[in-house]
Amino acid sequence: MTDTPPTVTESALRGLACKCPRCGKGKLYAGFLTLAPRCESCGLDYAFIDSGDGPAVFIIMLAGAIVVAAALIVEVKYQPPFWVHAALWLPLIVVTTIFPLRSMKSLLIALQFHHKAAEGQLTRRDPT
C-alpha cells in the first residue's frame, strides 16, 4: 500500500474488479451482493458504504435502452408473435440487469470512497 492516494481511474478499476476501494487487494463482497464487514487485506471497515439504489437505477436505464431498442428493431423488421418477444427479451433482460449489477455497485462504492462522499453533516468525518 502506497502513501499516494489512487487516481479516479485506479479507484474505478478497483471498483469494477470488486476489490477494496482503499488497497485494491481485499474482496468487497461476502456473497453475490452482500458486502463483507471489512477488507481482509487492509482492514478497512465497510460500515461507511451506502450505494443505495444508484447502481440499480443506472443498470435499469442502460438495460432498458438496449432491450427496448432491440425489441423495436425486431418488431419493425419481422413482426413476430408476442411469445417470440417474450422468449427473446426476458433472458436478455436478466442478462443485462443481473450480471453488471455487482460491478456497478462496487464501482459506485469505490467512487464514493475516492471522493469521500457521505451524508450531509455539520462536522467532516473521514472514512479512512
N, C-alpha and C. Protein backbone atom coordinates (compact mmCIF):
# COMPACT_ATOMS: atom_id res chain seq x y z
N MET A 1 0.84 -1.17 0.00
CA MET A 1 0.00 0.00 0.00
C MET A 1 0.89 1.23 0.00
N THR A 2 0.64 2.16 -0.91
CA THR A 2 1.45 3.36 -1.01
C THR A 2 0.78 4.50 -0.27
N ASP A 3 1.55 5.57 -0.03
CA ASP A 3 1.02 6.73 0.66
C ASP A 3 0.26 7.67 -0.27
N THR A 4 0.50 7.56 -1.57
CA THR A 4 -0.20 8.45 -2.51
C THR A 4 -1.62 7.93 -2.74
N PRO A 5 -2.58 8.82 -2.74
CA PRO A 5 -3.96 8.37 -2.97
C PRO A 5 -4.13 7.91 -4.42
N PRO A 6 -5.03 6.96 -4.65
CA PRO A 6 -5.24 6.49 -6.02
C PRO A 6 -5.93 7.54 -6.87
N THR A 7 -5.70 7.48 -8.16
CA THR A 7 -6.40 8.38 -9.08
C THR A 7 -7.84 7.89 -9.23
N VAL A 8 -8.65 8.70 -9.88
CA VAL A 8 -10.04 8.31 -10.12
C VAL A 8 -10.08 7.05 -10.97
N THR A 9 -9.18 6.96 -11.95
CA THR A 9 -9.14 5.78 -12.82
C THR A 9 -8.79 4.54 -12.03
N GLU A 10 -7.79 4.64 -11.15
CA GLU A 10 -7.42 3.49 -10.31
C GLU A 10 -8.58 3.09 -9.39
N SER A 11 -9.25 4.08 -8.82
CA SER A 11 -10.39 3.79 -7.97
C SER A 11 -11.51 3.11 -8.76
N ALA A 12 -11.77 3.59 -9.96
CA ALA A 12 -12.80 2.99 -10.80
C ALA A 12 -12.45 1.56 -11.18
N LEU A 13 -11.19 1.30 -11.49
CA LEU A 13 -10.77 -0.06 -11.83
C LEU A 13 -10.87 -0.99 -10.63
N ARG A 14 -10.55 -0.49 -9.44
CA ARG A 14 -10.73 -1.28 -8.23
C ARG A 14 -12.20 -1.61 -8.03
N GLY A 15 -13.04 -0.65 -8.30
CA GLY A 15 -14.47 -0.88 -8.17
C GLY A 15 -14.98 -1.91 -9.15
N LEU A 16 -14.59 -1.80 -10.40
CA LEU A 16 -15.04 -2.75 -11.41
C LEU A 16 -14.54 -4.16 -11.13
N ALA A 17 -13.39 -4.27 -10.46
CA ALA A 17 -12.84 -5.57 -10.10
C ALA A 17 -13.43 -6.11 -8.81
N CYS A 18 -14.33 -5.33 -8.17
CA CYS A 18 -14.97 -5.71 -6.90
C CYS A 18 -13.94 -5.92 -5.79
N LYS A 19 -12.97 -5.04 -5.75
CA LYS A 19 -11.92 -5.09 -4.73
C LYS A 19 -12.08 -3.93 -3.75
N CYS A 20 -11.33 -3.99 -2.67
CA CYS A 20 -11.36 -2.95 -1.64
C CYS A 20 -11.02 -1.60 -2.26
N PRO A 21 -11.80 -0.55 -1.94
CA PRO A 21 -11.51 0.75 -2.54
C PRO A 21 -10.23 1.40 -2.03
N ARG A 22 -9.72 0.99 -0.87
CA ARG A 22 -8.50 1.59 -0.33
C ARG A 22 -7.24 0.89 -0.84
N CYS A 23 -7.17 -0.44 -0.70
CA CYS A 23 -5.94 -1.15 -1.07
C CYS A 23 -6.01 -1.84 -2.43
N GLY A 24 -7.21 -2.15 -2.90
CA GLY A 24 -7.36 -2.81 -4.20
C GLY A 24 -7.03 -4.29 -4.16
N LYS A 25 -6.87 -4.88 -2.96
CA LYS A 25 -6.50 -6.30 -2.85
C LYS A 25 -7.60 -7.15 -2.25
N GLY A 26 -8.20 -6.69 -1.17
CA GLY A 26 -9.22 -7.48 -0.49
C GLY A 26 -10.53 -7.51 -1.25
N LYS A 27 -11.32 -8.55 -0.96
CA LYS A 27 -12.63 -8.68 -1.60
C LYS A 27 -13.62 -7.71 -0.98
N LEU A 28 -14.50 -7.18 -1.80
CA LEU A 28 -15.52 -6.26 -1.33
C LEU A 28 -16.77 -7.00 -0.88
N TYR A 29 -17.05 -8.15 -1.49
CA TYR A 29 -18.29 -8.87 -1.23
C TYR A 29 -18.04 -10.18 -0.48
N ALA A 30 -19.01 -10.53 0.38
CA ALA A 30 -19.02 -11.82 1.04
C ALA A 30 -19.94 -12.78 0.29
N GLY A 31 -20.90 -12.24 -0.44
CA GLY A 31 -21.84 -13.02 -1.26
C GLY A 31 -21.96 -12.35 -2.61
N PHE A 32 -23.08 -12.62 -3.31
CA PHE A 32 -23.23 -12.02 -4.63
C PHE A 32 -23.36 -10.50 -4.54
N LEU A 33 -24.24 -10.00 -3.67
CA LEU A 33 -24.36 -8.56 -3.46
C LEU A 33 -24.23 -8.18 -1.99
N THR A 34 -23.86 -9.13 -1.15
CA THR A 34 -23.69 -8.88 0.28
C THR A 34 -22.27 -8.43 0.54
N LEU A 35 -22.14 -7.24 1.14
CA LEU A 35 -20.81 -6.70 1.42
C LEU A 35 -20.15 -7.44 2.57
N ALA A 36 -18.85 -7.58 2.49
CA ALA A 36 -18.08 -8.11 3.61
C ALA A 36 -18.06 -7.04 4.71
N PRO A 37 -17.86 -7.42 5.97
CA PRO A 37 -17.83 -6.41 7.03
C PRO A 37 -16.61 -5.50 6.95
N ARG A 38 -15.48 -6.04 6.48
CA ARG A 38 -14.25 -5.24 6.36
C ARG A 38 -13.32 -5.90 5.35
N CYS A 39 -12.32 -5.17 4.94
CA CYS A 39 -11.33 -5.69 3.98
C CYS A 39 -10.44 -6.71 4.69
N GLU A 40 -10.25 -7.85 4.06
CA GLU A 40 -9.40 -8.88 4.63
C GLU A 40 -7.91 -8.56 4.51
N SER A 41 -7.58 -7.59 3.66
CA SER A 41 -6.18 -7.24 3.44
C SER A 41 -5.74 -6.05 4.29
N CYS A 42 -6.46 -4.93 4.18
CA CYS A 42 -6.04 -3.71 4.90
C CYS A 42 -6.89 -3.41 6.12
N GLY A 43 -8.01 -4.11 6.29
CA GLY A 43 -8.84 -3.92 7.47
C GLY A 43 -9.82 -2.75 7.39
N LEU A 44 -10.01 -2.15 6.22
CA LEU A 44 -10.96 -1.04 6.09
C LEU A 44 -12.35 -1.50 6.45
N ASP A 45 -12.99 -0.80 7.39
CA ASP A 45 -14.35 -1.11 7.80
C ASP A 45 -15.31 -0.60 6.74
N TYR A 46 -16.14 -1.49 6.22
CA TYR A 46 -17.07 -1.13 5.14
C TYR A 46 -18.38 -0.56 5.66
N ALA A 47 -18.45 -0.18 6.93
CA ALA A 47 -19.70 0.35 7.50
C ALA A 47 -20.10 1.68 6.87
N PHE A 48 -19.15 2.43 6.30
CA PHE A 48 -19.45 3.74 5.70
C PHE A 48 -20.17 3.62 4.36
N ILE A 49 -20.18 2.43 3.77
CA ILE A 49 -20.69 2.25 2.41
C ILE A 49 -22.20 2.37 2.37
N ASP A 50 -22.67 3.21 1.45
CA ASP A 50 -24.10 3.36 1.21
C ASP A 50 -24.29 3.68 -0.27
N SER A 51 -24.41 2.65 -1.09
CA SER A 51 -24.60 2.89 -2.52
C SER A 51 -26.07 3.12 -2.85
N GLY A 52 -26.96 2.76 -1.94
CA GLY A 52 -28.38 3.00 -2.14
C GLY A 52 -28.92 2.32 -3.39
N ASP A 53 -29.81 3.01 -4.08
CA ASP A 53 -30.43 2.48 -5.30
C ASP A 53 -29.70 2.92 -6.56
N GLY A 54 -28.61 3.66 -6.42
CA GLY A 54 -27.88 4.18 -7.57
C GLY A 54 -27.49 3.13 -8.60
N PRO A 55 -26.86 2.02 -8.18
CA PRO A 55 -26.46 1.02 -9.17
C PRO A 55 -27.65 0.44 -9.93
N ALA A 56 -28.74 0.17 -9.22
CA ALA A 56 -29.92 -0.40 -9.88
C ALA A 56 -30.51 0.57 -10.89
N VAL A 57 -30.52 1.85 -10.56
CA VAL A 57 -31.08 2.85 -11.47
C VAL A 57 -30.24 2.92 -12.75
N PHE A 58 -28.92 2.97 -12.62
CA PHE A 58 -28.06 3.01 -13.81
C PHE A 58 -28.26 1.77 -14.67
N ILE A 59 -28.30 0.62 -14.04
CA ILE A 59 -28.47 -0.64 -14.78
C ILE A 59 -29.83 -0.68 -15.48
N ILE A 60 -30.88 -0.26 -14.79
CA ILE A 60 -32.22 -0.27 -15.39
C ILE A 60 -32.26 0.64 -16.61
N MET A 61 -31.65 1.81 -16.51
CA MET A 61 -31.65 2.74 -17.65
C MET A 61 -30.88 2.16 -18.84
N LEU A 62 -29.72 1.60 -18.59
CA LEU A 62 -28.92 1.02 -19.68
C LEU A 62 -29.60 -0.21 -20.27
N ALA A 63 -30.04 -1.12 -19.41
CA ALA A 63 -30.70 -2.34 -19.90
C ALA A 63 -31.99 -2.00 -20.63
N GLY A 64 -32.74 -1.05 -20.10
CA GLY A 64 -33.98 -0.65 -20.75
C GLY A 64 -33.75 -0.12 -22.15
N ALA A 65 -32.73 0.71 -22.30
CA ALA A 65 -32.42 1.25 -23.63
C ALA A 65 -32.03 0.14 -24.60
N ILE A 66 -31.22 -0.80 -24.14
CA ILE A 66 -30.77 -1.90 -25.00
C ILE A 66 -31.95 -2.79 -25.40
N VAL A 67 -32.74 -3.21 -24.43
CA VAL A 67 -33.83 -4.15 -24.71
C VAL A 67 -34.94 -3.49 -25.53
N VAL A 68 -35.30 -2.27 -25.21
CA VAL A 68 -36.36 -1.60 -25.97
C VAL A 68 -35.92 -1.35 -27.41
N ALA A 69 -34.68 -0.91 -27.60
CA ALA A 69 -34.19 -0.70 -28.97
C ALA A 69 -34.19 -2.00 -29.77
N ALA A 70 -33.69 -3.06 -29.15
CA ALA A 70 -33.66 -4.35 -29.84
C ALA A 70 -35.07 -4.86 -30.13
N ALA A 71 -35.98 -4.72 -29.18
CA ALA A 71 -37.35 -5.18 -29.39
C ALA A 71 -38.04 -4.39 -30.49
N LEU A 72 -37.82 -3.09 -30.54
CA LEU A 72 -38.42 -2.27 -31.60
C LEU A 72 -37.87 -2.64 -32.97
N ILE A 73 -36.58 -2.86 -33.05
CA ILE A 73 -35.99 -3.24 -34.34
C ILE A 73 -36.56 -4.57 -34.81
N VAL A 74 -36.63 -5.56 -33.92
CA VAL A 74 -37.17 -6.87 -34.29
C VAL A 74 -38.65 -6.75 -34.67
N GLU A 75 -39.41 -5.95 -33.93
CA GLU A 75 -40.83 -5.80 -34.24
C GLU A 75 -41.04 -5.15 -35.61
N VAL A 76 -40.28 -4.12 -35.91
CA VAL A 76 -40.46 -3.42 -37.17
C VAL A 76 -40.01 -4.29 -38.35
N LYS A 77 -38.89 -5.00 -38.18
CA LYS A 77 -38.36 -5.79 -39.30
C LYS A 77 -39.12 -7.10 -39.53
N TYR A 78 -39.49 -7.82 -38.43
CA TYR A 78 -40.01 -9.18 -38.58
C TYR A 78 -41.45 -9.36 -38.11
N GLN A 79 -41.96 -8.50 -37.27
CA GLN A 79 -43.31 -8.59 -36.71
C GLN A 79 -43.62 -9.99 -36.18
N PRO A 80 -42.81 -10.49 -35.24
CA PRO A 80 -43.06 -11.84 -34.71
C PRO A 80 -44.23 -11.84 -33.73
N PRO A 81 -44.75 -13.02 -33.40
CA PRO A 81 -45.81 -13.09 -32.38
C PRO A 81 -45.26 -12.71 -31.00
N PHE A 82 -46.17 -12.44 -30.07
CA PHE A 82 -45.76 -11.98 -28.75
C PHE A 82 -44.91 -12.99 -28.00
N TRP A 83 -45.16 -14.30 -28.19
CA TRP A 83 -44.38 -15.29 -27.47
C TRP A 83 -42.91 -15.26 -27.90
N VAL A 84 -42.64 -14.88 -29.13
CA VAL A 84 -41.25 -14.76 -29.59
C VAL A 84 -40.57 -13.59 -28.87
N HIS A 85 -41.29 -12.51 -28.71
CA HIS A 85 -40.76 -11.37 -27.96
C HIS A 85 -40.42 -11.80 -26.53
N ALA A 86 -41.33 -12.53 -25.90
CA ALA A 86 -41.08 -12.99 -24.53
C ALA A 86 -39.87 -13.91 -24.48
N ALA A 87 -39.76 -14.80 -25.45
CA ALA A 87 -38.63 -15.74 -25.47
C ALA A 87 -37.31 -15.03 -25.72
N LEU A 88 -37.33 -13.97 -26.48
CA LEU A 88 -36.10 -13.23 -26.78
C LEU A 88 -35.70 -12.26 -25.67
N TRP A 89 -36.66 -11.49 -25.20
CA TRP A 89 -36.30 -10.34 -24.35
C TRP A 89 -36.25 -10.65 -22.86
N LEU A 90 -36.98 -11.63 -22.38
CA LEU A 90 -36.88 -11.96 -20.96
C LEU A 90 -35.47 -12.43 -20.58
N PRO A 91 -34.86 -13.34 -21.34
CA PRO A 91 -33.47 -13.70 -21.00
C PRO A 91 -32.50 -12.53 -21.14
N LEU A 92 -32.72 -11.68 -22.14
CA LEU A 92 -31.84 -10.53 -22.33
C LEU A 92 -31.99 -9.55 -21.16
N ILE A 93 -33.19 -9.38 -20.67
CA ILE A 93 -33.40 -8.51 -19.51
C ILE A 93 -32.64 -9.05 -18.30
N VAL A 94 -32.71 -10.35 -18.07
CA VAL A 94 -31.99 -10.95 -16.94
C VAL A 94 -30.49 -10.76 -17.10
N VAL A 95 -29.98 -11.01 -18.28
CA VAL A 95 -28.53 -10.88 -18.52
C VAL A 95 -28.06 -9.44 -18.37
N THR A 96 -28.81 -8.49 -18.90
CA THR A 96 -28.37 -7.10 -18.86
C THR A 96 -28.62 -6.40 -17.53
N THR A 97 -29.36 -7.04 -16.63
CA THR A 97 -29.57 -6.42 -15.31
C THR A 97 -28.82 -7.12 -14.20
N ILE A 98 -28.83 -8.42 -14.15
CA ILE A 98 -28.21 -9.15 -13.03
C ILE A 98 -26.69 -9.16 -13.13
N PHE A 99 -26.13 -9.46 -14.28
CA PHE A 99 -24.67 -9.60 -14.39
C PHE A 99 -23.90 -8.31 -14.10
N PRO A 100 -24.29 -7.17 -14.62
CA PRO A 100 -23.50 -5.96 -14.34
C PRO A 100 -23.80 -5.30 -13.00
N LEU A 101 -24.82 -5.77 -12.27
CA LEU A 101 -25.21 -5.11 -11.03
C LEU A 101 -24.10 -5.12 -9.98
N ARG A 102 -23.42 -6.23 -9.83
CA ARG A 102 -22.34 -6.36 -8.84
C ARG A 102 -21.21 -5.38 -9.14
N SER A 103 -20.78 -5.32 -10.39
CA SER A 103 -19.69 -4.42 -10.76
C SER A 103 -20.10 -2.95 -10.65
N MET A 104 -21.34 -2.64 -11.02
CA MET A 104 -21.80 -1.25 -10.92
C MET A 104 -21.90 -0.81 -9.47
N LYS A 105 -22.35 -1.70 -8.60
CA LYS A 105 -22.44 -1.37 -7.18
C LYS A 105 -21.05 -1.12 -6.61
N SER A 106 -20.09 -1.98 -6.93
CA SER A 106 -18.74 -1.79 -6.41
C SER A 106 -18.06 -0.57 -7.04
N LEU A 107 -18.37 -0.25 -8.29
CA LEU A 107 -17.84 0.97 -8.92
C LEU A 107 -18.32 2.20 -8.17
N LEU A 108 -19.60 2.26 -7.86
CA LEU A 108 -20.12 3.41 -7.13
C LEU A 108 -19.57 3.48 -5.71
N ILE A 109 -19.33 2.33 -5.09
CA ILE A 109 -18.72 2.30 -3.76
C ILE A 109 -17.31 2.84 -3.83
N ALA A 110 -16.54 2.42 -4.83
CA ALA A 110 -15.15 2.88 -4.97
C ALA A 110 -15.10 4.38 -5.23
N LEU A 111 -16.02 4.89 -6.04
CA LEU A 111 -16.05 6.34 -6.30
C LEU A 111 -16.53 7.11 -5.07
N GLN A 112 -17.44 6.52 -4.31
CA GLN A 112 -17.87 7.13 -3.06
C GLN A 112 -16.68 7.25 -2.11
N PHE A 113 -15.87 6.20 -2.01
CA PHE A 113 -14.70 6.23 -1.14
C PHE A 113 -13.67 7.23 -1.65
N HIS A 114 -13.43 7.23 -2.95
CA HIS A 114 -12.42 8.11 -3.54
C HIS A 114 -12.74 9.58 -3.27
N HIS A 115 -14.00 9.94 -3.44
CA HIS A 115 -14.41 11.33 -3.28
C HIS A 115 -14.85 11.67 -1.86
N LYS A 116 -14.73 10.67 -0.96
CA LYS A 116 -15.12 10.85 0.44
C LYS A 116 -16.57 11.34 0.56
N ALA A 117 -17.44 10.81 -0.26
CA ALA A 117 -18.85 11.19 -0.25
C ALA A 117 -19.53 10.58 0.97
N ALA A 118 -20.36 11.36 1.60
CA ALA A 118 -21.10 10.90 2.78
C ALA A 118 -22.36 11.73 2.93
N GLU A 119 -23.17 11.36 3.89
CA GLU A 119 -24.36 12.16 4.18
C GLU A 119 -23.95 13.54 4.63
N GLY A 120 -24.82 14.51 4.41
CA GLY A 120 -24.54 15.85 4.90
C GLY A 120 -24.44 15.86 6.41
N GLN A 121 -23.43 16.54 6.94
CA GLN A 121 -23.23 16.59 8.39
C GLN A 121 -22.55 17.89 8.76
N LEU A 122 -22.61 18.27 10.00
CA LEU A 122 -22.03 19.53 10.45
C LEU A 122 -20.51 19.44 10.61
N THR A 123 -20.00 18.29 10.99
CA THR A 123 -18.55 18.09 11.10
C THR A 123 -18.13 17.04 10.11
N ARG A 124 -16.97 17.22 9.50
CA ARG A 124 -16.49 16.31 8.48
C ARG A 124 -15.92 15.04 9.14
N ARG A 125 -16.28 13.88 8.56
CA ARG A 125 -15.84 12.59 9.08
C ARG A 125 -15.13 11.87 7.94
N ASP A 126 -13.92 11.36 8.16
CA ASP A 126 -13.12 10.69 7.14
C ASP A 126 -13.29 9.18 7.28
N PRO A 127 -13.76 8.46 6.20
CA PRO A 127 -13.98 7.01 6.31
C PRO A 127 -12.69 6.19 6.38
N THR A 128 -11.53 6.81 6.15
CA THR A 128 -10.28 6.05 6.21
C THR A 128 -9.88 6.01 7.61
